[in-house]
Each structure stands twice: as structure tokens, then as C-alpha cells.
């Protein structure tokens, strides 16, 4: 895709989702970190229901460490993979207290040293909690980017690199949210609403699957 088409997509998506922001509910960087860890293979809606109760008793790493793993697992059971997630949250909380003075580190490299924090999670926290420029490639961003022609990478990391090369740095974090919202509302995995899509004329999806797919 050309830079000109990419810029046109940015403008169109910005007008479509001017208030795009994370669906996860949080009040501080630590809560965001925990919520993102819990969101792996789980819906944001489910995570928000779980954290509404969890954060009433453990909204800091110190308070989280006051819970046993079994107690934490009872709170997060419905998020799936609760055993591994509980281990990661407690381990990350311990490192935040012992290595970072109780504060979530703001550098991506340091964030990725925490248990359960991969590149995507680090990018989300870095961009959302600390205002950094980053593109977190989750399932929506990965799928939509490939479908509309923004990137062709076969892995999230390759897609991230492609998007970083194509898009202006000051749009990275915004495009992350735009693509997520577009993937949820219009460009769905099954039966995308091409006839209602604001970037239909710029999208490469119709050329991949047939001219009659989109209007």
C-alpha cells in the first residue's frame, strides 16, 4: 500500500472513531497491566467484570501480593488460563515491588522483563499508560491490517514492523485503537460489513476475494 492511501485511511478512521480508546477499564498503569494480561484470549467485557471486583481488593502490586495464588485464581477464573495468568500477575507484581520500587516501569524493555508481559502487552502499557508511540498488534490489528492491505506480515511482530515503516510515528498509538474498533464494529472476522465501510474505496480486500464482495 502507498503512503498516500495509508494517510487517507488514517483520516477516514479518525473521523469514524474520534473517541477511540481502550475498552479495558483501569485507573492506573498497574491496573492496566493486570487487565491486559487477563485479556489474553478473553474478551474485554469479561475482563472488566472480573477486574471490577479484583481491583477493589488489589489495585496495587503490594495489595496483589497479599493474595495467595489460589485466592487470585478465584477472582480471575472466568478469564480462562487462570492458573498461568495468576502466576504471571503475582510474579510481575513481585518484580515491580522488588526491582522498580512499586511502580510499573515506563520503558518497553523493562516492561518486557515482567512475567506474562510480551511485546504486545508492553506496547499497550507503554502507549496507553505512558503516552508512548507504539503499535500493539493484537488479533484485531493483525487481521484487519492484513485484510485491508496495510501490512502483509505473517506474524504479529512482522506486521508491527511493516506498520511502523508505513505509518507516521505520531499515528501509531491511534491507529492501534482505530483498527481494533474497526475490526469489532465493521471489518469483522466473519461477514465483514463492506457495504458500510468508510474505507471501502481504499481497501484491498475486494481485490483479494472478488469484485462483488464490496459495493
Foldseek 3Di string as FASTA:
>chain_A
DALVLVVVVLVLLCVVCVPQDDPADADALLRLLLLVLLCVVADSVLSNVLVVVVCVQDNFLVSLLVDDLVRQLVSSVVSPPSNQSSVQSNQQSVCCVPPVVRDQDLDLVVNCVGGSDDNLSSQCSNCRRVVAQFARQDPQNVVQCCQQVQDPDPDSVRRRVSNPVSDDRVCRVVVNRSSNVCCVPAVDPPLGNQAPDSSNVSGCNCVVPHVPSHD
